[in-house]
Amino acid sequence: MENSTEKPENEAIIENKELNIWEALIPVFALIAMLAFNVFVFGDDALSGSNQFILLLGGGVAAIVGYFNKVEFDYMIDEVAKNIQSTAGAILILLMVGALAGTWLISGIIPTMIYYGLQILNPTIFLAACVIICSVISLATGSSWTTSATVGIALIGIADALGISLGMTAGAILSGAYFGDKMSPLSDTTNLAPAMAGTDLFTHIRYMALTTVPTITITLIAFIIIGLNLDTSGSTDTTSILNSIDAAFNISPWLFLVPIIVIVLIVRKTSPLIALLIGTLLGAVAALIAQPDVVLAISGMENLNFISGYKGIMNAITVDTAVETDSEALNDLFASSGMAGMLGTIWLIICAMVFGGIMEAIGALAKISKALLNMFHTTFGLFASTVFSCLALNVTASDQYLAIVVPGKMFAKAYRDKGLAPENLSRSLEDSGTVTSVLVPWNTCGAYHSGVLGVPVLSYAGYAFFNYLSPFMTLLFAAIGIKIKMLSEK
């Protein structure tokens, strides 16, 4: 994943001796209770704005707790500002993904991916293929975010055309994307975890493979079984859909050049933000060359010229855009909201950072992590406290990096004192901190992927097998004592 403008490992952990564990947990319990009631009332519409306000209310509760524990209001606001600043990269990437989706739609890039994908991927193997395709792309790029924004969008479109559950498809996409993100040496979280634990990158990756390979294998088997049992009646005959796509767009394999260029740029360590901008601009050029009639229709003008071309491209980049076909199902699919469609997700991230920033400022995050550390005294207990701490921080701090940095700094000495090699800690951080972030709707990762794929977190969470099985796998290895490396073995 790539979403930070600062180095999170350089952040200091804020402690507050005035605060006790029960006071630290008050905002957490209040937030969970308010969110649960809000989701009960609004259902899937809760992310349209009411959850955002609930996060602000949770921040207000944390601020009250901080006030009674001698934390100045200005200090809390400063921490909130730092938290929001750290998401600047994520916000810009989200805006650029919205822009890219718009130009890739009207240029025919996404329709072309769907057109050929429908002919290659039948429903029986589709979900397992999603896992494999996204694993390869994410391994190559080191970014689950880029994977979602490119092949993820196309795979969601293919699933929609085939009549396969979008929740299942998003779960398969994210399972593969996070496998690759977690195992790629290009991933920032894969570099961050060993840095926090005190081991080197490739030792960390080799050791992490012990739990990751079984987990992705179970995930693939689960999706193969689901695929074999899918009710595909009425969805396998795609002739009419293919004809509708062919009638609305000039389909050409040459259009694959644009996504290939974007992936090559990221593999060559180009900033994802720059790569997505280039992808957006190339998509705009491709639209003018390959789909002039579509651009003209989007512009709302009568003749194609410089002004109408510019207007059509800018509409696709910034606001709601739809390409009409003779298929009702495709009309819903071939629609994009551009940059404007990402504003709700950005709103959610900012509000989550308010809550996380205040929790950090009052010392609640450090207090919760220490309490978890003190609850367990066995080797298994140490692994369990690491996992629960990472999960708690993904929920409370709403940020994947903090879910790695805070437990990493807090627990490093405890692992050394137990005689455990540091790669035990780095693996636990990745197995629980990195991959579960996407399961929390208000976490930056959950908000991002849900916004990009257009699938609510609660719809795909149950199918993101790799993401929620990973913490259980690391706990299973710890409980049985499989491959737990000691310092004396190094």
Protein backbone atom coordinates (compact mmCIF):
# COMPACT_ATOMS: atom_id res chain seq x y z
CA MET A 1 0.00 0.00 0.00
CA GLU A 2 1.11 3.58 -0.63
CA ASN A 3 -0.68 6.38 1.15
CA SER A 4 1.65 8.21 3.50
CA THR A 5 3.57 11.43 3.00
CA GLU A 6 5.73 10.89 6.09
CA LYS A 7 7.76 8.04 7.55
CA PRO A 8 5.50 6.52 10.21
CA GLU A 9 8.41 4.74 11.91
CA ASN A 10 9.68 8.16 13.01
CA GLU A 11 6.50 8.94 14.94
CA ALA A 12 6.79 9.12 18.73
CA ILE A 13 4.34 7.11 20.83
CA ILE A 14 2.42 9.40 23.16
CA GLU A 15 1.94 8.17 26.73
CA ASN A 16 -0.15 9.75 29.48
CA LYS A 17 0.43 8.63 33.08
CA GLU A 18 -2.75 10.40 34.19
CA LEU A 19 -4.89 8.09 32.04
CA ASN A 20 -5.97 4.63 33.19
CA ILE A 21 -7.03 1.76 30.92
CA TRP A 22 -10.76 2.14 31.61
CA GLU A 23 -10.66 5.81 30.70
CA ALA A 24 -8.71 4.93 27.52
CA LEU A 25 -11.44 2.47 26.56
CA ILE A 26 -14.37 4.87 27.11
CA PRO A 27 -14.10 6.45 23.59
CA VAL A 28 -13.71 2.98 22.02
CA PHE A 29 -16.84 1.60 23.68
CA ALA A 30 -18.74 4.80 22.90
CA LEU A 31 -17.69 4.71 19.23
CA ILE A 32 -18.59 1.03 18.79
CA ALA A 33 -21.99 1.52 20.43
CA MET A 34 -22.80 4.62 18.34
CA LEU A 35 -21.63 3.01 15.09
CA ALA A 36 -23.61 -0.16 15.79
CA PHE A 37 -26.80 1.84 16.38
CA ASN A 38 -26.13 4.02 13.34
CA VAL A 39 -25.62 1.02 11.04
CA PHE A 40 -28.78 -0.55 12.48
CA VAL A 41 -30.75 2.59 11.54
CA PHE A 42 -29.15 3.42 8.16
CA GLY A 43 -27.82 0.05 6.95
CA ASP A 44 -25.53 0.39 3.91
CA ASP A 45 -26.38 4.09 3.69
CA ALA A 46 -24.49 4.71 6.97
CA LEU A 47 -21.33 5.54 4.99
CA SER A 48 -23.16 8.29 3.13
CA GLY A 49 -22.45 10.69 5.98
CA SER A 50 -23.87 9.59 9.31
CA ASN A 51 -20.92 7.30 10.17
CA GLN A 52 -18.61 10.21 9.47
CA PHE A 53 -20.40 12.32 12.05
CA ILE A 54 -20.35 9.41 14.53
CA LEU A 55 -16.55 9.32 14.20
CA LEU A 56 -16.46 13.02 15.08
CA LEU A 57 -18.68 12.35 18.09
CA GLY A 58 -16.29 9.57 19.13
CA GLY A 59 -13.46 12.08 18.84
CA GLY A 60 -15.47 14.43 21.04
CA VAL A 61 -15.80 11.73 23.72
CA ALA A 62 -12.03 11.12 23.53
CA ALA A 63 -11.40 14.87 23.84
CA ILE A 64 -13.54 15.02 27.01
CA VAL A 65 -11.57 12.11 28.48
CA GLY A 66 -8.34 13.91 27.55
CA TYR A 67 -9.52 17.17 29.11
CA PHE A 68 -10.11 15.43 32.46
CA ASN A 69 -6.64 13.89 32.20
CA LYS A 70 -4.75 17.15 31.70
CA VAL A 71 -4.36 17.08 27.93
CA GLU A 72 -4.65 20.52 26.33
CA PHE A 73 -7.19 20.99 23.56
CA ASP A 74 -4.62 22.67 21.28
CA TYR A 75 -2.35 19.64 21.64
CA MET A 76 -5.17 17.34 20.57
CA ILE A 77 -5.87 19.51 17.53
CA ASP A 78 -2.16 19.43 16.61
CA GLU A 79 -2.19 15.61 16.65
CA VAL A 80 -5.36 15.59 14.53
CA ALA A 81 -3.60 17.89 12.05
CA LYS A 82 -0.60 15.53 11.89
CA ASN A 83 -2.90 12.56 11.32
CA ILE A 84 -4.77 14.30 8.52
CA GLN A 85 -1.48 15.44 6.99
CA SER A 86 -0.30 11.81 6.94
CA THR A 87 -3.30 10.92 4.75
CA ALA A 88 -2.58 13.60 2.15
CA GLY A 89 -1.10 10.97 -0.17
CA ALA A 90 -4.14 8.72 0.23
CA ILE A 91 -6.53 11.57 -0.51
CA LEU A 92 -4.66 12.60 -3.65
CA ILE A 93 -4.51 8.98 -4.83
CA LEU A 94 -8.26 8.63 -4.28
CA LEU A 95 -8.94 11.73 -6.37
CA MET A 96 -6.62 10.45 -9.09
CA VAL A 97 -8.29 7.01 -9.06
CA GLY A 98 -11.63 8.75 -9.64
CA ALA A 99 -10.13 10.66 -12.54
CA LEU A 100 -8.54 7.52 -13.98
CA ALA A 101 -11.79 5.57 -13.75
CA GLY A 102 -13.51 8.31 -15.75
CA THR A 103 -11.01 8.43 -18.62
CA TRP A 104 -10.59 4.65 -18.69
CA LEU A 105 -14.35 4.31 -19.06
CA ILE A 106 -14.86 6.74 -21.94
CA SER A 107 -11.66 5.62 -23.70
CA GLY A 108 -13.00 2.05 -23.79
CA ILE A 109 -10.14 0.65 -21.66
CA ILE A 110 -12.42 -0.76 -18.95
CA PRO A 111 -15.04 -1.94 -21.50
CA THR A 112 -12.23 -3.65 -23.46
CA MET A 113 -11.00 -5.41 -20.31
CA ILE A 114 -14.55 -6.56 -19.61
CA TYR A 115 -15.12 -7.58 -23.26
CA TYR A 116 -12.11 -9.90 -23.41
CA GLY A 117 -12.47 -10.95 -19.79
CA LEU A 118 -15.99 -12.22 -20.42
CA GLN A 119 -14.67 -14.49 -23.15
CA ILE A 120 -11.82 -15.89 -21.06
CA LEU A 121 -13.19 -16.07 -17.50
CA ASN A 122 -16.19 -18.32 -17.08
CA PRO A 123 -18.13 -18.19 -13.78
CA THR A 124 -16.74 -21.49 -12.44
CA ILE A 125 -13.10 -20.32 -12.36
CA PHE A 126 -13.77 -16.58 -12.11
CA LEU A 127 -13.33 -16.03 -8.35
CA ALA A 128 -10.18 -18.15 -8.11
CA ALA A 129 -8.83 -16.33 -11.19
CA CYS A 130 -9.48 -12.99 -9.44
CA VAL A 131 -7.30 -14.11 -6.53
CA ILE A 132 -4.46 -15.22 -8.81
CA ILE A 133 -4.57 -12.19 -11.14
CA CYS A 134 -4.60 -9.71 -8.24
CA SER A 135 -1.85 -11.63 -6.42
CA VAL A 136 0.44 -11.34 -9.46
CA ILE A 137 -0.29 -7.64 -10.07
CA SER A 138 0.13 -6.77 -6.38
CA LEU A 139 3.38 -8.75 -6.10
CA ALA A 140 4.70 -6.88 -9.14
CA THR A 141 3.61 -3.43 -7.95
CA GLY A 142 3.81 -3.84 -4.15
CA SER A 143 0.50 -2.03 -3.87
CA SER A 144 -2.98 -3.37 -3.10
CA TRP A 145 -4.28 0.14 -3.80
CA THR A 146 -3.01 0.17 -7.38
CA THR A 147 -4.31 -3.36 -7.93
CA SER A 148 -7.83 -2.32 -6.91
CA ALA A 149 -7.70 0.81 -9.03
CA THR A 150 -6.68 -1.02 -12.22
CA VAL A 151 -7.55 -4.71 -12.63
CA GLY A 152 -9.89 -4.63 -9.61
CA ILE A 153 -12.31 -2.23 -11.29
CA ALA A 154 -12.31 -4.34 -14.47
CA LEU A 155 -12.90 -7.58 -12.56
CA ILE A 156 -15.86 -6.03 -10.71
CA GLY A 157 -17.29 -5.09 -14.10
CA ILE A 158 -16.85 -8.63 -15.43
CA ALA A 159 -18.52 -10.06 -12.30
CA ASP A 160 -21.45 -7.69 -12.74
CA ALA A 161 -21.88 -8.81 -16.34
CA LEU A 162 -21.66 -12.49 -15.37
CA GLY A 163 -24.15 -12.06 -12.55
CA ILE A 164 -21.65 -13.04 -9.84
CA SER A 165 -21.96 -11.47 -6.38
CA LEU A 166 -19.93 -8.25 -6.19
CA GLY A 167 -19.25 -8.94 -2.50
CA MET A 168 -17.68 -12.31 -3.38
CA THR A 169 -15.70 -10.74 -6.20
CA ALA A 170 -14.38 -7.89 -4.06
CA GLY A 171 -13.40 -10.43 -1.38
CA ALA A 172 -11.44 -12.42 -3.98
CA ILE A 173 -9.81 -9.26 -5.40
CA LEU A 174 -8.70 -8.06 -1.96
CA SER A 175 -7.52 -11.51 -0.88
CA GLY A 176 -5.17 -11.59 -3.86
CA ALA A 177 -4.23 -7.91 -3.61
CA TYR A 178 -3.23 -8.18 0.05
CA PHE A 179 -1.32 -11.43 -0.49
CA GLY A 180 0.81 -9.64 -3.07
CA ASP A 181 1.06 -6.44 -1.02
CA LYS A 182 2.16 -8.44 2.03
CA MET A 183 4.79 -10.54 0.21
CA SER A 184 6.22 -7.98 -2.22
CA PRO A 185 9.58 -6.37 -1.36
CA LEU A 186 8.24 -3.24 -3.08
CA SER A 187 5.45 -2.79 -0.51
CA ASP A 188 5.94 -0.07 2.09
CA THR A 189 4.23 -2.09 4.85
CA THR A 190 6.46 -5.09 4.05
CA ASN A 191 9.45 -2.82 4.61
CA LEU A 192 7.94 -1.09 7.64
CA ALA A 193 7.18 -4.23 9.71
CA PRO A 194 10.78 -5.58 9.84
CA ALA A 195 12.08 -2.06 10.46
CA MET A 196 9.85 -1.84 13.56
CA ALA A 197 10.76 -5.35 14.77
CA GLY A 198 14.50 -5.15 14.11
CA THR A 199 15.04 -7.67 11.32
CA ASP A 200 15.85 -7.42 7.61
CA LEU A 201 13.41 -7.39 4.72
CA PHE A 202 14.12 -10.76 3.09
CA THR A 203 14.36 -12.65 6.39
CA HIS A 204 10.94 -11.18 7.16
CA ILE A 205 9.46 -12.22 3.79
CA ARG A 206 10.84 -15.78 4.02
CA TYR A 207 9.54 -16.20 7.57
CA MET A 208 6.17 -14.66 6.69
CA ALA A 209 5.73 -17.16 3.85
CA LEU A 210 5.34 -19.92 6.45
CA THR A 211 1.93 -18.57 7.48
CA THR A 212 1.01 -16.73 4.28
CA VAL A 213 1.29 -19.63 1.81
CA PRO A 214 -1.10 -21.91 3.76
CA THR A 215 -3.55 -19.01 4.13
CA ILE A 216 -3.63 -18.13 0.43
CA THR A 217 -3.93 -21.86 -0.40
CA ILE A 218 -7.01 -22.19 1.84
CA THR A 219 -8.38 -19.02 0.25
CA LEU A 220 -7.98 -20.40 -3.28
CA ILE A 221 -9.59 -23.71 -2.32
CA ALA A 222 -12.53 -21.84 -0.76
CA PHE A 223 -13.09 -19.78 -3.94
CA ILE A 224 -12.76 -22.87 -6.17
CA ILE A 225 -15.46 -24.60 -4.10
CA ILE A 226 -17.69 -21.52 -4.26
CA GLY A 227 -17.15 -21.31 -8.03
CA LEU A 228 -18.13 -24.94 -8.53
CA ASN A 229 -21.35 -24.33 -6.64
CA LEU A 230 -22.31 -20.97 -8.18
CA ASP A 231 -25.76 -20.77 -9.75
CA THR A 232 -24.76 -19.53 -13.19
CA SER A 233 -28.13 -19.96 -14.88
CA GLY A 234 -28.70 -17.10 -17.27
CA SER A 235 -25.22 -15.62 -16.79
CA THR A 236 -23.12 -17.86 -19.04
CA ASP A 237 -24.61 -16.66 -22.34
CA THR A 238 -22.74 -13.40 -22.79
CA THR A 239 -23.30 -12.97 -26.54
CA SER A 240 -25.83 -10.16 -26.18
CA ILE A 241 -23.63 -8.37 -23.63
CA LEU A 242 -20.58 -8.63 -25.90
CA ASN A 243 -22.61 -7.27 -28.83
CA SER A 244 -23.82 -4.33 -26.71
CA ILE A 245 -20.25 -3.47 -25.67
CA ASP A 246 -19.07 -3.76 -29.27
CA ALA A 247 -21.84 -1.44 -30.43
CA ALA A 248 -21.10 1.24 -27.80
CA PHE A 249 -17.28 1.26 -28.03
CA ASN A 250 -14.51 0.67 -30.53
CA ILE A 251 -12.97 -2.38 -28.84
CA SER A 252 -9.28 -2.98 -29.52
CA PRO A 253 -6.49 -4.91 -27.76
CA TRP A 254 -4.30 -1.83 -28.34
CA LEU A 255 -6.16 -0.18 -25.46
CA PHE A 256 -4.41 -2.62 -23.08
CA LEU A 257 -1.25 -0.58 -23.64
CA VAL A 258 -2.43 2.08 -21.17
CA PRO A 259 -2.88 -0.20 -18.11
CA ILE A 260 0.31 -2.08 -19.04
CA ILE A 261 2.25 1.22 -19.06
CA VAL A 262 0.80 2.14 -15.62
CA ILE A 263 1.77 -1.24 -14.13
CA VAL A 264 5.29 -1.03 -15.64
CA LEU A 265 5.73 2.46 -14.16
CA ILE A 266 4.82 1.25 -10.68
CA VAL A 267 7.04 -1.86 -10.96
CA ARG A 268 9.86 0.54 -11.81
CA LYS A 269 9.13 2.30 -8.49
CA THR A 270 7.39 5.34 -9.95
CA SER A 271 5.20 7.00 -7.33
CA PRO A 272 1.65 5.57 -7.59
CA LEU A 273 0.31 9.13 -7.68
CA ILE A 274 2.45 9.99 -10.72
CA ALA A 275 1.66 6.65 -12.38
CA LEU A 276 -2.08 7.16 -11.92
CA LEU A 277 -1.84 10.72 -13.28
CA ILE A 278 -0.01 9.43 -16.36
CA GLY A 279 -2.63 6.67 -16.68
CA THR A 280 -5.40 9.29 -16.52
CA LEU A 281 -3.79 11.45 -19.21
CA LEU A 282 -3.08 8.46 -21.45
CA GLY A 283 -6.70 7.40 -20.97
CA ALA A 284 -7.79 10.87 -22.10
CA VAL A 285 -5.63 10.64 -25.24
CA ALA A 286 -6.94 7.14 -25.94
CA ALA A 287 -10.52 8.41 -25.60
CA LEU A 288 -9.98 11.15 -28.19
CA ILE A 289 -8.36 8.69 -30.63
CA ALA A 290 -10.45 5.55 -30.12
CA GLN A 291 -13.86 6.83 -28.91
CA PRO A 292 -14.51 10.30 -30.41
CA ASP A 293 -18.29 9.68 -30.53
CA VAL A 294 -18.36 8.80 -26.81
CA VAL A 295 -16.35 11.91 -25.92
CA LEU A 296 -18.74 14.05 -27.98
CA ALA A 297 -21.78 12.52 -26.26
CA ILE A 298 -20.24 13.16 -22.80
CA SER A 299 -19.52 16.79 -23.73
CA GLY A 300 -23.20 17.43 -24.57
CA MET A 301 -22.16 19.41 -27.67
CA GLU A 302 -23.05 18.82 -31.33
CA ASN A 303 -19.68 18.87 -33.09
CA LEU A 304 -16.37 17.33 -32.11
CA ASN A 305 -13.69 20.00 -31.86
CA PHE A 306 -11.08 21.12 -29.34
CA ILE A 307 -13.67 22.64 -26.97
CA SER A 308 -16.08 19.67 -27.01
CA GLY A 309 -13.17 17.23 -26.66
CA TYR A 310 -11.82 19.16 -23.67
CA LYS A 311 -15.26 19.39 -22.09
CA GLY A 312 -15.96 15.67 -22.58
CA ILE A 313 -12.64 14.66 -21.02
CA MET A 314 -13.01 17.05 -18.08
CA ASN A 315 -16.57 15.85 -17.40
CA ALA A 316 -15.32 12.25 -17.30
CA ILE A 317 -12.49 13.19 -14.91
CA THR A 318 -14.50 15.29 -12.48
CA VAL A 319 -18.24 14.50 -12.39
CA ASP A 320 -20.85 11.80 -13.05
CA THR A 321 -20.43 10.21 -16.47
CA ALA A 322 -22.46 7.47 -18.16
CA VAL A 323 -22.19 5.77 -21.54
CA GLU A 324 -25.54 4.60 -22.89
CA THR A 325 -25.83 1.10 -24.42
CA ASP A 326 -28.77 -1.07 -25.50
CA SER A 327 -28.26 -3.24 -22.39
CA GLU A 328 -29.83 -2.09 -19.12
CA ALA A 329 -27.25 -4.01 -17.05
CA LEU A 330 -24.36 -2.36 -18.90
CA ASN A 331 -25.84 1.11 -18.43
CA ASP A 332 -25.37 0.73 -14.69
CA LEU A 333 -21.90 -0.71 -15.21
CA PHE A 334 -20.64 1.90 -17.67
CA ALA A 335 -21.04 4.82 -15.28
CA SER A 336 -18.40 6.69 -13.34
CA SER A 337 -18.52 9.52 -10.81
CA GLY A 338 -14.99 10.77 -11.45
CA MET A 339 -13.20 12.70 -8.73
CA ALA A 340 -16.52 13.82 -7.25
CA GLY A 341 -17.40 10.18 -6.51
CA MET A 342 -14.41 9.91 -4.16
CA LEU A 343 -15.40 12.83 -1.93
CA GLY A 344 -17.52 10.67 0.39
CA THR A 345 -14.56 8.34 1.00
CA ILE A 346 -12.24 11.30 1.60
CA TRP A 347 -14.78 12.70 4.07
CA LEU A 348 -14.76 9.37 5.93
CA ILE A 349 -10.95 9.25 6.08
CA ILE A 350 -10.72 12.79 7.47
CA CYS A 351 -13.29 12.08 10.20
CA ALA A 352 -11.53 8.81 11.08
CA MET A 353 -8.25 10.68 11.40
CA VAL A 354 -9.91 13.12 13.82
CA PHE A 355 -10.90 10.25 16.12
CA GLY A 356 -7.51 8.51 15.74
CA GLY A 357 -5.58 11.74 16.29
CA ILE A 358 -7.37 12.58 19.53
CA MET A 359 -7.02 8.99 20.80
CA GLU A 360 -3.30 9.23 20.09
CA ALA A 361 -2.95 12.66 21.69
CA ILE A 362 -4.57 11.66 24.98
CA GLY A 363 -2.33 8.58 25.23
CA ALA A 364 -5.19 6.09 24.81
CA LEU A 365 -3.53 4.10 21.99
CA ALA A 366 -0.36 3.52 24.03
CA LYS A 367 -2.39 2.64 27.14
CA ILE A 368 -4.49 0.04 25.28
CA SER A 369 -1.38 -1.58 23.73
CA LYS A 370 0.40 -1.74 27.09
CA ALA A 371 -2.65 -3.25 28.75
CA LEU A 372 -2.81 -5.97 26.11
CA LEU A 373 0.91 -6.65 26.57
CA ASN A 374 0.53 -7.01 30.33
CA MET A 375 -2.42 -9.41 30.04
CA PHE A 376 -0.31 -12.27 28.73
CA HIS A 377 2.91 -13.81 30.02
CA THR A 378 3.34 -16.95 27.87
CA THR A 379 4.85 -17.05 24.35
CA PHE A 380 1.41 -17.67 22.86
CA GLY A 381 0.04 -14.84 24.98
CA LEU A 382 2.66 -12.48 23.55
CA PHE A 383 1.64 -13.39 19.99
CA ALA A 384 -2.04 -13.01 20.93
CA SER A 385 -1.47 -9.61 22.52
CA THR A 386 0.32 -8.45 19.35
CA VAL A 387 -2.56 -9.61 17.14
CA PHE A 388 -5.25 -8.05 19.34
CA SER A 389 -3.27 -4.82 19.62
CA CYS A 390 -2.99 -4.55 15.82
CA LEU A 391 -6.71 -5.26 15.41
CA ALA A 392 -7.61 -2.72 18.09
CA LEU A 393 -5.48 -0.04 16.45
CA ASN A 394 -6.98 -0.70 13.01
CA VAL A 395 -10.38 -0.05 14.60
CA THR A 396 -9.44 2.89 16.83
CA ALA A 397 -6.60 4.66 15.00
CA SER A 398 -8.18 3.95 11.59
CA ASP A 399 -4.76 3.71 10.02
CA GLN A 400 -2.79 0.69 8.83
CA TYR A 401 0.57 2.27 9.56
CA LEU A 402 -0.22 2.99 13.20
CA ALA A 403 -1.44 -0.61 13.57
CA ILE A 404 2.12 -1.66 12.66
CA VAL A 405 4.17 1.13 14.24
CA VAL A 406 2.63 1.32 17.73
CA PRO A 407 2.64 -2.45 18.53
CA GLY A 408 6.03 -2.77 16.79
CA LYS A 409 7.62 -0.21 19.10
CA MET A 410 5.74 -1.41 22.18
CA PHE A 411 6.39 -5.14 21.81
CA ALA A 412 9.96 -5.32 20.42
CA LYS A 413 11.58 -5.54 23.87
CA ALA A 414 9.02 -8.10 25.11
CA TYR A 415 9.91 -10.43 22.21
CA ARG A 416 13.63 -10.05 22.95
CA ASP A 417 13.03 -10.73 26.65
CA LYS A 418 11.25 -13.97 25.71
CA GLY A 419 14.23 -14.97 23.57
CA LEU A 420 12.16 -14.74 20.38
CA ALA A 421 13.75 -13.71 17.08
CA PRO A 422 12.45 -10.33 15.79
CA GLU A 423 10.92 -11.89 12.67
CA ASN A 424 8.25 -13.40 14.95
CA LEU A 425 7.09 -9.87 15.73
CA SER A 426 7.39 -8.58 12.15
CA ARG A 427 5.33 -11.53 10.86
CA SER A 428 2.65 -11.00 13.52
CA LEU A 429 2.45 -7.29 12.63
CA GLU A 430 1.83 -8.08 8.96
CA ASP A 431 -0.50 -11.04 9.59
CA SER A 432 -2.75 -8.89 11.76
CA GLY A 433 -2.02 -5.21 11.12
CA THR A 434 -1.58 -5.04 7.34
CA VAL A 435 -4.29 -7.37 6.09
CA THR A 436 -7.16 -6.63 8.49
CA SER A 437 -7.18 -2.87 7.84
CA VAL A 438 -9.39 -3.42 4.78
CA LEU A 439 -12.09 -5.05 6.96
CA VAL A 440 -12.78 -1.85 8.94
CA PRO A 441 -15.15 0.52 7.08
CA TRP A 442 -13.69 3.70 8.57
CA ASN A 443 -10.04 2.63 8.30
CA THR A 444 -8.22 4.38 5.45
CA CYS A 445 -7.80 1.02 3.65
CA GLY A 446 -11.41 -0.09 4.12
CA ALA A 447 -12.69 3.30 2.98
CA TYR A 448 -10.37 3.35 -0.04
CA HIS A 449 -11.07 -0.11 -1.42
CA SER A 450 -14.80 0.17 -0.77
CA GLY A 451 -14.87 3.50 -2.61
CA VAL A 452 -12.76 2.32 -5.55
CA LEU A 453 -14.56 -1.01 -6.07
CA GLY A 454 -18.00 0.40 -5.29
CA VAL A 455 -18.72 -2.44 -2.84
CA PRO A 456 -19.51 -1.77 0.86
CA VAL A 457 -17.02 -3.23 3.35
CA LEU A 458 -19.76 -5.21 5.07
CA SER A 459 -20.63 -6.82 1.72
CA TYR A 460 -17.13 -8.12 0.98
CA ALA A 461 -15.71 -8.66 4.50
CA GLY A 462 -17.16 -12.16 4.82
CA TYR A 463 -15.50 -13.20 1.54
CA ALA A 464 -12.07 -11.63 2.15
CA PHE A 465 -10.89 -15.04 3.39
CA PHE A 466 -7.17 -14.28 3.20
CA ASN A 467 -7.57 -11.10 5.21
CA TYR A 468 -9.40 -12.49 8.20
CA LEU A 469 -7.75 -15.95 8.20
CA SER A 470 -4.22 -14.48 8.42
CA PRO A 471 -4.39 -13.50 12.14
CA PHE A 472 -5.83 -16.93 12.99
CA MET A 473 -2.99 -18.64 11.11
CA THR A 474 -0.30 -16.76 13.02
CA LEU A 475 -2.05 -17.61 16.31
CA LEU A 476 -2.34 -21.27 15.27
CA PHE A 477 1.40 -21.45 14.55
CA ALA A 478 2.12 -19.83 17.93
CA ALA A 479 -0.25 -22.16 19.81
CA ILE A 480 1.19 -25.34 18.26
CA GLY A 481 4.75 -24.00 18.34
CA ILE A 482 5.39 -24.43 14.61
CA LYS A 483 8.41 -22.53 13.23
CA ILE A 484 8.80 -20.17 16.18
CA LYS A 485 12.39 -19.02 15.76
CA MET A 486 14.39 -18.23 18.89
CA LEU A 487 17.25 -15.76 19.17
CA SER A 488 19.64 -18.62 19.96
CA GLU A 489 18.93 -20.08 16.50
CA LYS A 490 20.12 -16.99 14.68
